[in-house]
Amino acid sequence: MRPEVTLHSKSKTTELVGVIKLHFPKTEPLDQEQADYITAMMHSFCQNHLWKHGAPYGGHCMVIDLGSGKVYPGVKAVKQRLKDVGNACGQIAALWPGIAKWPQRNGPSRGKAEAVLQPGAGHN
């Protein structure tokens, strides 16, 4: 999941970053719970990929549902939602042998496992 827009701002003492994810619905608009999980993952994206540019600011991690015109601001309870996402990914990985751990990258991953589909591993 990658954002379409990055936001940069500054508090009195800290550089801050955030992102905007645009949702292009093909069927139904996002509901609040779905949007909360997306904004939590966008916050994690900032921590893992934009850390050189500043600290993630939840108020700047948002998703915009273009079909409904709704703007969902960043959720405050990020840790629990990321834990839920991690558990769901673990269940999928256990059931789908074609998923392997992503190689470690530079930057503070904070021990989070990421997955990538391996070519020719039995998935379509």
PDB file of N, CA and C in Angstrom:
ATOM      1  N   MET A   1       0.861  -1.166   0.000  1.00  0.00           N
ATOM      2  CA  MET A   1       0.000   0.000   0.000  1.00  0.00           C
ATOM      3  C   MET A   1       0.905   1.225   0.000  1.00  0.00           C
ATOM      4  N   ARG A   2       0.700   2.052  -0.993  1.00  0.00           N
ATOM      5  CA  ARG A   2       1.502   3.262  -1.094  1.00  0.00           C
ATOM      6  C   ARG A   2       0.588   4.473  -1.233  1.00  0.00           C
ATOM      7  N   PRO A   3       1.003   5.574  -0.616  1.00  0.00           N
ATOM      8  CA  PRO A   3       0.200   6.790  -0.709  1.00  0.00           C
ATOM      9  C   PRO A   3       0.414   7.499  -2.044  1.00  0.00           C
ATOM     10  N   GLU A   4      -0.529   8.357  -2.378  1.00  0.00           N
ATOM     11  CA  GLU A   4      -0.401   9.167  -3.588  1.00  0.00           C
ATOM     12  C   GLU A   4       0.250  10.523  -3.309  1.00  0.00           C
ATOM     13  N   VAL A   5       0.134  11.017  -2.079  1.00  0.00           N
ATOM     14  CA  VAL A   5       0.638  12.343  -1.728  1.00  0.00           C
ATOM     15  C   VAL A   5       1.392  12.245  -0.408  1.00  0.00           C
ATOM     16  N   THR A   6       2.532  12.933  -0.320  1.00  0.00           N
ATOM     17  CA  THR A   6       3.222  13.056   0.967  1.00  0.00           C
ATOM     18  C   THR A   6       3.072  14.490   1.453  1.00  0.00           C
ATOM     19  N   LEU A   7       2.929  14.624   2.756  1.00  0.00           N
ATOM     20  CA  LEU A   7       2.766  15.934   3.387  1.00  0.00           C
ATOM     21  C   LEU A   7       3.938  16.174   4.326  1.00  0.00           C
ATOM     22  N   HIS A   8       4.450  17.380   4.307  1.00  0.00           N
ATOM     23  CA  HIS A   8       5.563  17.756   5.178  1.00  0.00           C
ATOM     24  C   HIS A   8       5.190  19.044   5.892  1.00  0.00           C
ATOM     25  N   SER A   9       5.408  19.060   7.200  1.00  0.00           N
ATOM     26  CA  SER A   9       5.149  20.264   7.977  1.00  0.00           C
ATOM     27  C   SER A   9       6.156  20.313   9.118  1.00  0.00           C
ATOM     28  N   LYS A  10       6.058  21.338   9.908  1.00  0.00           N
ATOM     29  CA  LYS A  10       6.999  21.484  11.013  1.00  0.00           C
ATOM     30  C   LYS A  10       6.280  22.061  12.215  1.00  0.00           C
ATOM     31  N   SER A  11       6.508  21.417  13.360  1.00  0.00           N
ATOM     32  CA  SER A  11       6.043  22.009  14.609  1.00  0.00           C
ATOM     33  C   SER A  11       7.143  22.973  15.066  1.00  0.00           C
ATOM     34  N   LYS A  12       7.040  23.485  16.238  1.00  0.00           N
ATOM     35  CA  LYS A  12       8.075  24.403  16.728  1.00  0.00           C
ATOM     36  C   LYS A  12       9.445  23.737  16.793  1.00  0.00           C
ATOM     37  N   THR A  13       9.460  22.433  17.069  1.00  0.00           N
ATOM     38  CA  THR A  13      10.747  21.751  17.274  1.00  0.00           C
ATOM     39  C   THR A  13      10.978  20.536  16.385  1.00  0.00           C
ATOM     40  N   THR A  14       9.968  20.068  15.647  1.00  0.00           N
ATOM     41  CA  THR A  14      10.074  18.787  14.951  1.00  0.00           C
ATOM     42  C   THR A  14       9.560  18.864  13.520  1.00  0.00           C
ATOM     43  N   GLU A  15      10.287  18.217  12.629  1.00  0.00           N
ATOM     44  CA  GLU A  15       9.789  18.017  11.267  1.00  0.00           C
ATOM     45  C   GLU A  15       8.746  16.907  11.322  1.00  0.00           C
ATOM     46  N   LEU A  16       7.626  17.090  10.624  1.00  0.00           N
ATOM     47  CA  LEU A  16       6.534  16.119  10.631  1.00  0.00           C
ATOM     48  C   LEU A  16       6.231  15.666   9.208  1.00  0.00           C
ATOM     49  N   VAL A  17       5.797  14.407   9.079  1.00  0.00           N
ATOM     50  CA  VAL A  17       5.404  13.880   7.777  1.00  0.00           C
ATOM     51  C   VAL A  17       4.055  13.189   7.898  1.00  0.00           C
ATOM     52  N   GLY A  18       3.379  13.125   6.788  1.00  0.00           N
ATOM     53  CA  GLY A  18       2.110  12.415   6.688  1.00  0.00           C
ATOM     54  C   GLY A  18       1.872  12.068   5.236  1.00  0.00           C
ATOM     55  N   VAL A  19       0.819  11.333   4.982  1.00  0.00           N
ATOM     56  CA  VAL A  19       0.518  10.907   3.611  1.00  0.00           C
ATOM     57  C   VAL A  19      -0.987  10.907   3.377  1.00  0.00           C
ATOM     58  N   ILE A  20      -1.347  10.986   2.115  1.00  0.00           N
ATOM     59  CA  ILE A  20      -2.740  10.867   1.720  1.00  0.00           C
ATOM     60  C   ILE A  20      -2.861   9.686   0.776  1.00  0.00           C
ATOM     61  N   LYS A  21      -3.785   8.811   1.079  1.00  0.00           N
ATOM     62  CA  LYS A  21      -4.119   7.683   0.220  1.00  0.00           C
ATOM     63  C   LYS A  21      -5.457   7.993  -0.430  1.00  0.00           C
ATOM     64  N   LEU A  22      -5.500   7.918  -1.756  1.00  0.00           N
ATOM     65  CA  LEU A  22      -6.744   8.128  -2.479  1.00  0.00           C
ATOM     66  C   LEU A  22      -7.398   6.774  -2.738  1.00  0.00           C
ATOM     67  N   HIS A  23      -8.686   6.693  -2.439  1.00  0.00           N
ATOM     68  CA  HIS A  23      -9.441   5.456  -2.657  1.00  0.00           C
ATOM     69  C   HIS A  23     -10.374   5.679  -3.837  1.00  0.00           C
ATOM     70  N   PHE A  24     -10.207   4.853  -4.866  1.00  0.00           N
ATOM     71  CA  PHE A  24     -11.041   4.919  -6.062  1.00  0.00           C
ATOM     72  C   PHE A  24     -11.997   3.726  -6.031  1.00  0.00           C
ATOM     73  N   PRO A  25     -13.174   3.869  -5.435  1.00  0.00           N
ATOM     74  CA  PRO A  25     -14.061   2.712  -5.270  1.00  0.00           C
ATOM     75  C   PRO A  25     -14.645   2.237  -6.597  1.00  0.00           C
ATOM     76  N   LYS A  26     -14.675   0.911  -6.729  1.00  0.00           N
ATOM     77  CA  LYS A  26     -15.305   0.316  -7.903  1.00  0.00           C
ATOM     78  C   LYS A  26     -16.717  -0.144  -7.573  1.00  0.00           C
ATOM     79  N   THR A  27     -16.977  -0.361  -6.301  1.00  0.00           N
ATOM     80  CA  THR A  27     -18.317  -0.818  -5.894  1.00  0.00           C
ATOM     81  C   THR A  27     -18.851   0.059  -4.770  1.00  0.00           C
ATOM     82  N   GLU A  28     -18.409  -0.199  -3.555  1.00  0.00           N
ATOM     83  CA  GLU A  28     -18.952   0.500  -2.390  1.00  0.00           C
ATOM     84  C   GLU A  28     -17.922   1.453  -1.797  1.00  0.00           C
ATOM     85  N   PRO A  29     -18.389   2.514  -1.156  1.00  0.00           N
ATOM     86  CA  PRO A  29     -17.451   3.435  -0.497  1.00  0.00           C
ATOM     87  C   PRO A  29     -16.848   2.788   0.752  1.00  0.00           C
ATOM     88  N   LEU A  30     -15.774   3.378   1.235  1.00  0.00           N
ATOM     89  CA  LEU A  30     -15.165   2.924   2.484  1.00  0.00           C
ATOM     90  C   LEU A  30     -16.114   3.178   3.646  1.00  0.00           C
ATOM     91  N   ASP A  31     -16.021   2.320   4.651  1.00  0.00           N
ATOM     92  CA  ASP A  31     -16.692   2.636   5.903  1.00  0.00           C
ATOM     93  C   ASP A  31     -15.623   3.101   6.895  1.00  0.00           C
ATOM     94  N   GLN A  32     -16.046   3.557   8.045  1.00  0.00           N
ATOM     95  CA  GLN A  32     -15.114   4.125   9.020  1.00  0.00           C
ATOM     96  C   GLN A  32     -14.052   3.115   9.451  1.00  0.00           C
ATOM     97  N   GLU A  33     -14.442   1.880   9.690  1.00  0.00           N
ATOM     98  CA  GLU A  33     -13.480   0.866  10.138  1.00  0.00           C
ATOM     99  C   GLU A  33     -12.421   0.598   9.073  1.00  0.00           C
ATOM    100  N   GLN A  34     -12.835   0.469   7.826  1.00  0.00           N
ATOM    101  CA  GLN A  34     -11.873   0.256   6.747  1.00  0.00           C
ATOM    102  C   GLN A  34     -10.904   1.433   6.652  1.00  0.00           C
ATOM    103  N   ALA A  35     -11.446   2.631   6.706  1.00  0.00           N
ATOM    104  CA  ALA A  35     -10.611   3.822   6.633  1.00  0.00           C
ATOM    105  C   ALA A  35      -9.628   3.886   7.801  1.00  0.00           C
ATOM    106  N   ASP A  36     -10.059   3.472   8.984  1.00  0.00           N
ATOM    107  CA  ASP A  36      -9.169   3.480  10.148  1.00  0.00           C
ATOM    108  C   ASP A  36      -7.976   2.546   9.940  1.00  0.00           C
ATOM    109  N   TYR A  37      -8.209   1.370   9.367  1.00  0.00           N
ATOM    110  CA  TYR A  37      -7.104   0.449   9.095  1.00  0.00           C
ATOM    111  C   TYR A  37      -6.167   1.022   8.035  1.00  0.00           C
ATOM    112  N   ILE A  38      -6.713   1.651   7.024  1.00  0.00           N
ATOM    113  CA  ILE A  38      -5.872   2.244   5.983  1.00  0.00           C
ATOM    114  C   ILE A  38      -5.014   3.367   6.560  1.00  0.00           C
ATOM    115  N   THR A  39      -5.601   4.238   7.375  1.00  0.00           N
ATOM    116  CA  THR A  39      -4.806   5.332   7.937  1.00  0.00           C
ATOM    117  C   THR A  39      -3.745   4.812   8.901  1.00  0.00           C
ATOM    118  N   ALA A  40      -4.023   3.739   9.612  1.00  0.00           N
ATOM    119  CA  ALA A  40      -3.000   3.135  10.479  1.00  0.00           C
ATOM    120  C   ALA A  40      -1.840   2.610   9.636  1.00  0.00           C
ATOM    121  N   MET A  41      -2.149   1.979   8.500  1.00  0.00           N
ATOM    122  CA  MET A  41      -1.085   1.472   7.628  1.00  0.00           C
ATOM    123  C   MET A  41      -0.312   2.627   6.985  1.00  0.00           C
ATOM    124  N   MET A  42      -0.987   3.723   6.714  1.00  0.00           N
ATOM    125  CA  MET A  42      -0.296   4.891   6.159  1.00  0.00           C
ATOM    126  C   MET A  42       0.655   5.490   7.201  1.00  0.00           C
ATOM    127  N   HIS A  43       0.246   5.478   8.464  1.00  0.00           N
ATOM    128  CA  HIS A  43       1.118   5.933   9.557  1.00  0.00           C
ATOM    129  C   HIS A  43       2.363   5.048   9.609  1.00  0.00           C
ATOM    130  N   SER A  44       2.172   3.748   9.486  1.00  0.00           N
ATOM    131  CA  SER A  44       3.295   2.813   9.478  1.00  0.00           C
ATOM    132  C   SER A  44       4.193   3.062   8.263  1.00  0.00           C
ATOM    133  N   PHE A  45       3.605   3.369   7.117  1.00  0.00           N
ATOM    134  CA  PHE A  45       4.383   3.701   5.928  1.00  0.00           C
ATOM    135  C   PHE A  45       5.315   4.878   6.223  1.00  0.00           C
ATOM    136  N   CYS A  46       4.777   5.896   6.887  1.00  0.00           N
ATOM    137  CA  CYS A  46       5.604   7.056   7.246  1.00  0.00           C
ATOM    138  C   CYS A  46       6.762   6.649   8.148  1.00  0.00           C
ATOM    139  N   GLN A  47       6.480   5.803   9.142  1.00  0.00           N
ATOM    140  CA  GLN A  47       7.534   5.351  10.056  1.00  0.00           C
ATOM    141  C   GLN A  47       8.623   4.583   9.327  1.00  0.00           C
ATOM    142  N   ASN A  48       8.232   3.746   8.379  1.00  0.00           N
ATOM    143  CA  ASN A  48       9.184   2.859   7.719  1.00  0.00           C
ATOM    144  C   ASN A  48       9.880   3.464   6.503  1.00  0.00           C
ATOM    145  N   HIS A  49       9.250   4.437   5.852  1.00  0.00           N
ATOM    146  CA  HIS A  49       9.808   4.928   4.594  1.00  0.00           C
ATOM    147  C   HIS A  49      10.112   6.424   4.576  1.00  0.00           C
ATOM    148  N   LEU A  50       9.502   7.180   5.442  1.00  0.00           N
ATOM    149  CA  LEU A  50       9.710   8.632   5.425  1.00  0.00           C
ATOM    150  C   LEU A  50      10.404   9.129   6.692  1.00  0.00           C
ATOM    151  N   TRP A  51      10.957   8.223   7.468  1.00  0.00           N
ATOM    152  CA  TRP A  51      11.529   8.581   8.760  1.00  0.00           C
ATOM    153  C   TRP A  51      12.664   9.599   8.646  1.00  0.00           C
ATOM    154  N   LYS A  52      13.359   9.642   7.512  1.00  0.00           N
ATOM    155  CA  LYS A  52      14.439  10.624   7.346  1.00  0.00           C
ATOM    156  C   LYS A  52      13.893  12.044   7.200  1.00  0.00           C
ATOM    157  N   HIS A  53      12.621  12.163   6.847  1.00  0.00           N
ATOM    158  CA  HIS A  53      12.015  13.467   6.607  1.00  0.00           C
ATOM    159  C   HIS A  53      11.272  14.026   7.816  1.00  0.00           C
ATOM    160  N   GLY A  54      11.080  13.204   8.833  1.00  0.00           N
ATOM    161  CA  GLY A  54      10.399  13.687  10.026  1.00  0.00           C
ATOM    162  C   GLY A  54       9.605  12.606  10.725  1.00  0.00           C
ATOM    163  N   ALA A  55       8.996  12.992  11.819  1.00  0.00           N
ATOM    164  CA  ALA A  55       8.178  12.067  12.609  1.00  0.00           C
ATOM    165  C   ALA A  55       6.782  11.977  12.005  1.00  0.00           C
ATOM    166  N   PRO A  56       6.197  10.772  11.967  1.00  0.00           N
ATOM    167  CA  PRO A  56       4.829  10.654  11.457  1.00  0.00           C
ATOM    168  C   PRO A  56       3.856  11.443  12.324  1.00  0.00           C
ATOM    169  N   TYR A  57       2.976  12.142  11.672  1.00  0.00           N
ATOM    170  CA  TYR A  57       1.947  12.900  12.377  1.00  0.00           C
ATOM    171  C   TYR A  57       0.596  12.341  11.945  1.00  0.00           C
ATOM    172  N   GLY A  58      -0.113  11.739  12.890  1.00  0.00           N
ATOM    173  CA  GLY A  58      -1.372  11.070  12.591  1.00  0.00           C
ATOM    174  C   GLY A  58      -2.405  11.948  11.916  1.00  0.00           C
ATOM    175  N   GLY A  59      -2.424  13.210  12.249  1.00  0.00           N
ATOM    176  CA  GLY A  59      -3.371  14.127  11.643  1.00  0.00           C
ATOM    177  C   GLY A  59      -3.147  14.330  10.155  1.00  0.00           C
ATOM    178  N   HIS A  60      -1.946  13.996   9.681  1.00  0.00           N
ATOM    179  CA  HIS A  60      -1.619  14.123   8.263  1.00  0.00           C
ATOM    180  C   HIS A  60      -1.662  12.784   7.531  1.00  0.00           C
ATOM    181  N   CYS A  61      -2.021  11.715   8.200  1.00  0.00           N
ATOM    182  CA  CYS A  61      -2.137  10.393   7.558  1.00  0.00           C
ATOM    183  C   CYS A  61      -3.623  10.133   7.330  1.00  0.00           C
ATOM    184  N   MET A  62      -4.065  10.341   6.117  1.00  0.00           N
ATOM    185  CA  MET A  62      -5.504  10.275   5.856  1.00  0.00           C
ATOM    186  C   MET A  62      -5.794   9.530   4.569  1.00  0.00           C
ATOM    187  N   VAL A  63      -7.054   9.133   4.438  1.00  0.00           N
ATOM    188  CA  VAL A  63      -7.523   8.517   3.205  1.00  0.00           C
ATOM    189  C   VAL A  63      -8.729   9.319   2.719  1.00  0.00           C
ATOM    190  N   ILE A  64      -8.763   9.515   1.406  1.00  0.00           N
ATOM    191  CA  ILE A  64      -9.876  10.236   0.794  1.00  0.00           C
ATOM    192  C   ILE A  64     -10.608   9.270  -0.119  1.00  0.00           C
ATOM    193  N   ASP A  65     -11.882   9.059   0.149  1.00  0.00           N
ATOM    194  CA  ASP A  65     -12.729   8.210  -0.681  1.00  0.00           C
ATOM    195  C   ASP A  65     -13.321   9.103  -1.763  1.00  0.00           C
ATOM    196  N   LEU A  66     -12.812   8.978  -2.967  1.00  0.00           N
ATOM    197  CA  LEU A  66     -13.238   9.863  -4.049  1.00  0.00           C
ATOM    198  C   LEU A  66     -14.669   9.606  -4.498  1.00  0.00           C
ATOM    199  N   GLY A  67     -15.157   8.387  -4.324  1.00  0.00           N
ATOM    200  CA  GLY A  67     -16.527   8.081  -4.711  1.00  0.00           C
ATOM    201  C   GLY A  67     -17.553   8.768  -3.840  1.00  0.00           C
ATOM    202  N   SER A  68     -17.302   8.802  -2.541  1.00  0.00           N
ATOM    203  CA  SER A  68     -18.262   9.412  -1.615  1.00  0.00           C
ATOM    204  C   SER A  68     -17.889  10.845  -1.261  1.00  0.00           C
ATOM    205  N   GLY A  69     -16.640  11.232  -1.558  1.00  0.00           N
ATOM    206  CA  GLY A  69     -16.178  12.575  -1.203  1.00  0.00           C
ATOM    207  C   GLY A  69     -15.806  12.716   0.256  1.00  0.00           C
ATOM    208  N   LYS A  70     -15.714  11.597   0.984  1.00  0.00           N
ATOM    209  CA  LYS A  70     -15.389  11.652   2.409  1.00  0.00           C
ATOM    210  C   LYS A  70     -13.875  11.663   2.628  1.00  0.00           C
ATOM    211  N   VAL A  71     -13.471  12.457   3.598  1.00  0.00           N
ATOM    212  CA  VAL A  71     -12.073  12.507   4.032  1.00  0.00           C
ATOM    213  C   VAL A  71     -12.011  11.884   5.412  1.00  0.00           C
ATOM    214  N   TYR A  72     -11.186  10.853   5.552  1.00  0.00           N
ATOM    215  CA  TYR A  72     -11.022  10.172   6.835  1.00  0.00           C
ATOM    216  C   TYR A  72      -9.659  10.543   7.412  1.00  0.00           C
ATOM    217  N   PRO A  73      -9.638  11.289   8.521  1.00  0.00           N
ATOM    218  CA  PRO A  73      -8.359  11.653   9.132  1.00  0.00           C
ATOM    219  C   PRO A  73      -7.708  10.447   9.798  1.00  0.00           C
ATOM    220  N   GLY A  74      -6.437  10.602  10.107  1.00  0.00           N
ATOM    221  CA  GLY A  74      -5.688   9.518  10.731  1.00  0.00           C
ATOM    222  C   GLY A  74      -6.291   9.074  12.047  1.00  0.00           C
ATOM    223  N   VAL A  75      -6.249   7.779  12.264  1.00  0.00           N
ATOM    224  CA  VAL A  75      -6.776   7.178  13.481  1.00  0.00           C
ATOM    225  C   VAL A  75      -5.747   7.322  14.606  1.00  0.00           C
ATOM    226  N   LYS A  76      -6.210   7.389  15.835  1.00  0.00           N
ATOM    227  CA  LYS A  76      -5.298   7.533  16.971  1.00  0.00           C
ATOM    228  C   LYS A  76      -4.775   6.191  17.468  1.00  0.00           C
ATOM    229  N   ALA A  77      -5.579   5.145  17.400  1.00  0.00           N
ATOM    230  CA  ALA A  77      -5.190   3.819  17.907  1.00  0.00           C
ATOM    231  C   ALA A  77      -4.475   3.034  16.808  1.00  0.00           C
ATOM    232  N   VAL A  78      -3.252   3.427  16.498  1.00  0.00           N
ATOM    233  CA  VAL A  78      -2.492   2.819  15.412  1.00  0.00           C
ATOM    234  C   VAL A  78      -1.958   1.439  15.798  1.00  0.00           C
ATOM    235  N   LYS A  79      -1.407   1.304  16.994  1.00  0.00           N
ATOM    236  CA  LYS A  79      -0.729   0.056  17.385  1.00  0.00           C
ATOM    237  C   LYS A  79      -1.652  -1.158  17.299  1.00  0.00           C
ATOM    238  N   GLN A  80      -2.851  -1.061  17.840  1.00  0.00           N
ATOM    239  CA  GLN A  80      -3.764  -2.206  17.830  1.00  0.00           C
ATOM    240  C   GLN A  80      -4.184  -2.561  16.410  1.00  0.00           C
ATOM    241  N   ARG A  81      -4.436  -1.567  15.598  1.00  0.00           N
ATOM    242  CA  ARG A  81      -4.841  -1.859  14.214  1.00  0.00           C
ATOM    243  C   ARG A  81      -3.703  -2.508  13.437  1.00  0.00           C
ATOM    244  N   LEU A  82      -2.471  -2.054  13.645  1.00  0.00           N
ATOM    245  CA  LEU A  82      -1.338  -2.686  12.970  1.00  0.00           C
ATOM    246  C   LEU A  82      -1.127  -4.116  13.473  1.00  0.00           C
ATOM    247  N   LYS A  83      -1.393  -4.330  14.747  1.00  0.00           N
ATOM    248  CA  LYS A  83      -1.320  -5.686  15.289  1.00  0.00           C
ATOM    249  C   LYS A  83      -2.366  -6.578  14.614  1.00  0.00           C
ATOM    250  N   ASP A  84      -3.577  -6.061  14.431  1.00  0.00           N
ATOM    251  CA  ASP A  84      -4.630  -6.808  13.738  1.00  0.00           C
ATOM    252  C   ASP A  84      -4.221  -7.137  12.306  1.00  0.00           C
ATOM    253  N   VAL A  85      -3.647  -6.155  11.613  1.00  0.00           N
ATOM    254  CA  VAL A  85      -3.196  -6.373  10.233  1.00  0.00           C
ATOM    255  C   VAL A  85      -2.084  -7.420  10.203  1.00  0.00           C
ATOM    256  N   GLY A  86      -1.138  -7.315  11.125  1.00  0.00           N
ATOM    257  CA  GLY A  86      -0.054  -8.296  11.204  1.00  0.00           C
ATOM    258  C   GLY A  86      -0.566  -9.705  11.455  1.00  0.00           C
ATOM    259  N   ASN A  87      -1.556  -9.838  12.337  1.00  0.00           N
ATOM    260  CA  ASN A  87      -2.139 -11.150  12.608  1.00  0.00           C
ATOM    261  C   ASN A  87      -2.839 -11.709  11.372  1.00  0.00           C
ATOM    262  N   ALA A  88      -3.570 -10.855  10.657  1.00  0.00           N
ATOM    263  CA  ALA A  88      -4.242 -11.302   9.436  1.00  0.00           C
ATOM    264  C   ALA A  88      -3.217 -11.731   8.385  1.00  0.00           C
ATOM    265  N   CYS A  89      -2.132 -10.970   8.252  1.00  0.00           N
ATOM    266  CA  CYS A  89      -1.083 -11.336   7.295  1.00  0.00           C
ATOM    267  C   CYS A  89      -0.423 -12.654   7.683  1.00  0.00           C
ATOM    268  N   GLY A  90      -0.234 -12.865   8.987  1.00  0.00           N
ATOM    269  CA  GLY A  90       0.336 -14.131   9.460  1.00  0.00           C
ATOM    270  C   GLY A  90      -0.558 -15.312   9.126  1.00  0.00           C
ATOM    271  N   GLN A  91      -1.860 -15.150   9.273  1.00  0.00           N
ATOM    272  CA  GLN A  91      -2.792 -16.220   8.925  1.00  0.00           C
ATOM    273  C   GLN A  91      -2.761 -16.506   7.429  1.00  0.00           C
ATOM    274  N   ILE A  92      -2.706 -15.454   6.631  1.00  0.00           N
ATOM    275  CA  ILE A  92      -2.639 -15.638   5.176  1.00  0.00           C
ATOM    276  C   ILE A  92      -1.340 -16.339   4.794  1.00  0.00           C
ATOM    277  N   ALA A  93      -0.229 -15.903   5.372  1.00  0.00           N
ATOM    278  CA  ALA A  93       1.072 -16.508   5.060  1.00  0.00           C
ATOM    279  C   ALA A  93       1.101 -17.988   5.437  1.00  0.00           C
ATOM    280  N   ALA A  94       0.447 -18.333   6.538  1.00  0.00           N
ATOM    281  CA  ALA A  94       0.423 -19.736   6.965  1.00  0.00           C
ATOM    282  C   ALA A  94      -0.375 -20.602   5.993  1.00  0.00           C
ATOM    283  N   LEU A  95      -1.376 -20.005   5.358  1.00  0.00           N
ATOM    284  CA  LEU A  95      -2.227 -20.753   4.441  1.00  0.00           C
ATOM    285  C   LEU A  95      -1.735 -20.702   2.996  1.00  0.00           C
ATOM    286  N   TRP A  96      -0.854 -19.782   2.676  1.00  0.00           N
ATOM    287  CA  TRP A  96      -0.430 -19.562   1.298  1.00  0.00           C
ATOM    288  C   TRP A  96       1.090 -19.677   1.222  1.00  0.00           C
ATOM    289  N   PRO A  97       1.610 -20.838   0.855  1.00  0.00           N
ATOM    290  CA  PRO A  97       3.061 -21.056   0.887  1.00  0.00           C
ATOM    291  C   PRO A  97       3.836 -20.199  -0.111  1.00  0.00           C
ATOM    292  N   GLY A  98       3.182 -19.534  -1.045  1.00  0.00           N
ATOM    293  CA  GLY A  98       3.878 -18.700  -2.013  1.00  0.00           C
ATOM    294  C   GLY A  98       4.243 -17.325  -1.490  1.00  0.00           C
ATOM    295  N   ILE A  99       4.021 -17.068  -0.192  1.00  0.00           N
ATOM    296  CA  ILE A  99       4.373 -15.778   0.398  1.00  0.00           C
ATOM    297  C   ILE A  99       5.625 -15.978   1.241  1.00  0.00           C
ATOM    298  N   ALA A 100       6.608 -15.112   1.037  1.00  0.00           N
ATOM    299  CA  ALA A 100       7.863 -15.196   1.792  1.00  0.00           C
ATOM    300  C   ALA A 100       8.146 -13.860   2.450  1.00  0.00           C
ATOM    301  N   LYS A 101       9.041 -13.865   3.439  1.00  0.00           N
ATOM    302  CA  LYS A 101       9.434 -12.624   4.093  1.00  0.00           C
ATOM    303  C   LYS A 101      10.196 -11.739   3.126  1.00  0.00           C
ATOM    304  N   TRP A 102       9.908 -10.449   3.201  1.00  0.00           N
ATOM    305  CA  TRP A 102      10.602  -9.451   2.382  1.00  0.00           C
ATOM    306  C   TRP A 102      11.987  -9.225   2.972  1.00  0.00           C
ATOM    307  N   PRO A 103      13.011  -9.058   2.137  1.00  0.00           N
ATOM    308  CA  PRO A 103      14.356  -8.804   2.679  1.00  0.00           C
ATOM    309  C   PRO A 103      14.410  -7.508   3.486  1.00  0.00           C
ATOM    310  N   GLN A 104      15.240  -7.490   4.494  1.00  0.00           N
ATOM    311  CA  GLN A 104      15.396  -6.322   5.364  1.00  0.00           C
ATOM    312  C   GLN A 104      15.918  -5.136   4.565  1.00  0.00           C
ATOM    313  N   ARG A 105      15.335  -3.955   4.801  1.00  0.00           N
ATOM    314  CA  ARG A 105      15.776  -2.729   4.133  1.00  0.00           C
ATOM    315  C   ARG A 105      16.459  -1.833   5.147  1.00  0.00           C
ATOM    316  N   ASN A 106      17.103  -0.805   4.615  1.00  0.00           N
ATOM    317  CA  ASN A 106      17.695   0.212   5.481  1.00  0.00           C
ATOM    318  C   ASN A 106      16.578   0.985   6.157  1.00  0.00           C
ATOM    319  N   GLY A 107      16.856   1.479   7.333  1.00  0.00           N
ATOM    320  CA  GLY A 107      15.853   2.271   8.040  1.00  0.00           C
ATOM    321  C   GLY A 107      15.240   1.471   9.175  1.00  0.00           C
ATOM    322  N   PRO A 108      14.535   2.149  10.045  1.00  0.00           N
ATOM    323  CA  PRO A 108      13.984   1.499  11.237  1.00  0.00           C
ATOM    324  C   PRO A 108      12.710   0.715  10.917  1.00  0.00           C
ATOM    325  N   SER A 109      12.844  -0.600  10.730  1.00  0.00           N
ATOM    326  CA  SER A 109      11.664  -1.417  10.443  1.00  0.00           C
ATOM    327  C   SER A 109      10.919  -1.772  11.722  1.00  0.00           C
ATOM    328  N   ARG A 110      11.562  -1.613  12.863  1.00  0.00           N
ATOM    329  CA  ARG A 110      10.963  -1.887  14.163  1.00  0.00           C
ATOM    330  C   ARG A 110      10.450  -3.326  14.272  1.00  0.00           C
ATOM    331  N   GLY A 111      11.153  -4.254  13.588  1.00  0.00           N
ATOM    332  CA  GLY A 111      10.822  -5.666  13.723  1.00  0.00           C
ATOM    333  C   GLY A 111       9.567  -6.093  13.006  1.00  0.00           C
ATOM    334  N   LYS A 112       9.007  -5.263  12.156  1.00  0.00           N
ATOM    335  CA  LYS A 112       7.784  -5.634  11.452  1.00  0.00           C
ATOM    336  C   LYS A 112       8.121  -6.533  10.276  1.00  0.00           C
ATOM    337  N   ALA A 113       7.388  -7.599  10.125  1.00  0.00           N
ATOM    338  CA  ALA A 113       7.559  -8.479   8.982  1.00  0.00           C
ATOM    339  C   ALA A 113       6.694  -7.979   7.843  1.00  0.00           C
ATOM    340  N   GLU A 114       7.240  -8.007   6.649  1.00  0.00           N
ATOM    341  CA  GLU A 114       6.480  -7.666   5.460  1.00  0.00           C
ATOM    342  C   GLU A 114       6.526  -8.867   4.548  1.00  0.00           C
ATOM    343  N   ALA A 115       5.554  -8.978   3.688  1.00  0.00           N
ATOM    344  CA  ALA A 115       5.485 -10.132   2.803  1.00  0.00           C
ATOM    345  C   ALA A 115       5.457  -9.680   1.357  1.00  0.00           C
ATOM    346  N   VAL A 116       5.923 -10.572   0.491  1.00  0.00           N
ATOM    347  CA  VAL A 116       5.889 -10.312  -0.945  1.00  0.00           C
ATOM    348  C   VAL A 116       5.571 -11.624  -1.643  1.00  0.00           C
ATOM    349  N   LEU A 117       4.827 -11.546  -2.713  1.00  0.00           N
ATOM    350  CA  LEU A 117       4.536 -12.745  -3.491  1.00  0.00           C
ATOM    351  C   LEU A 117       5.773 -13.134  -4.283  1.00  0.00           C
ATOM    352  N   GLN A 118       6.105 -14.391  -4.272  1.00  0.00           N
ATOM    353  CA  GLN A 118       7.232 -14.899  -5.007  1.00  0.00           C
ATOM    354  C   GLN A 118       6.769 -15.384  -6.374  1.00  0.00           C
ATOM    355  N   PRO A 119       7.443 -14.968  -7.465  1.00  0.00           N
ATOM    356  CA  PRO A 119       7.028 -15.407  -8.802  1.00  0.00           C
ATOM    357  C   PRO A 119       7.040 -16.924  -8.914  1.00  0.00           C
ATOM    358  N   GLY A 120       6.013 -17.441  -9.572  1.00  0.00           N
ATOM    359  CA  GLY A 120       5.926 -18.881  -9.822  1.00  0.00           C
ATOM    360  C   GLY A 120       5.674 -19.717  -8.603  1.00  0.00           C
ATOM    361  N   ALA A 121       5.145 -19.139  -7.540  1.00  0.00           N
ATOM    362  CA  ALA A 121       4.949 -19.892  -6.303  1.00  0.00           C
ATOM    363  C   ALA A 121       3.526 -20.431  -6.180  1.00  0.00           C
ATOM    364  N   GLY A 122       2.832 -20.627  -7.299  1.00  0.00           N
ATOM    365  CA  GLY A 122       1.529 -21.251  -7.230  1.00  0.00           C
ATOM    366  C   GLY A 122       0.359 -20.317  -7.052  1.00  0.00           C
ATOM    367  N   HIS A 123       0.553 -19.028  -7.269  1.00  0.00           N
ATOM    368  CA  HIS A 123      -0.551 -18.086  -7.177  1.00  0.00           C
ATOM    369  C   HIS A 123      -0.778 -17.475  -8.546  1.00  0.00           C
ATOM    370  N   ASN A 124      -1.978 -16.961  -8.763  1.00  0.00           N
ATOM    371  CA  ASN A 124      -2.310 -16.361 -10.062  1.00  0.00           C
ATOM    372  C   ASN A 124      -2.380 -14.877  -9.968  1.00  0.00           C
TER     373      ASN A 124
END
